[in-house]
Amino acid sequence: MKKTLTTLAILFIATTSIFAQYKPADPSQVTQMLSMACVFEKTIASLSECSIYVYDNADIEKAVSSFKGQKLGNATLKNLTAGNSLPSERPDIILIGNSNNYAEILAYCNENDVLSLTNIPSLVKKGVTLGMGIDDAGAPKLLINPEGVAEQGKNFNPAIMKMAKVFK
């Protein structure tokens, strides 16, 4: 009985602290994740133009704005909009830069076939498809949630699974 309780306690600590080891990525690292998403998500990779909505993070919006009119994978970033509510027009990608109302944003992504990305590691566990976090050594790490991928109807090249930390 004592051995079972010890094992359960270790599992609980390991699973509840798994995201504590990742800190939010800074805006320049988010743009790296965005570039990877545009290459490895097959629907977005097939587009000639894409649109991005940044939810509630002016620093990420500023970093991504430097890509406007440039290629992200095969697609040229045509439209970049931002705000702290649901977008008025459907984008191809939503970058969630604030955990406020994340459930509403995720529901929108799931209902409208929009790829969700974030720099907040804990939101990947809650259903955001792809995230970027900083590990204890200070290195950026790509985070992916296969359930979020399925919910949003996305189709990633399997190679991304070798580069990313997979969360379920």
Foldseek 3Di string as FASTA:
>chain_A
DVVVVVVVVVVVVCVVCVLVQWAFDFLLVLVVVQLQCCAFWVVNLPEQAFEEEEADDVRNLVSCVVQAQHDSRNYRHPYYYYDNDDDPDDGQEYEYEDPVPVVVVLVVLLVPLHQYEYRRSVVQLVQRAWYWTAGPVRDIAIEGEVVNCVSSVIDGDCVVVVRHHYHD
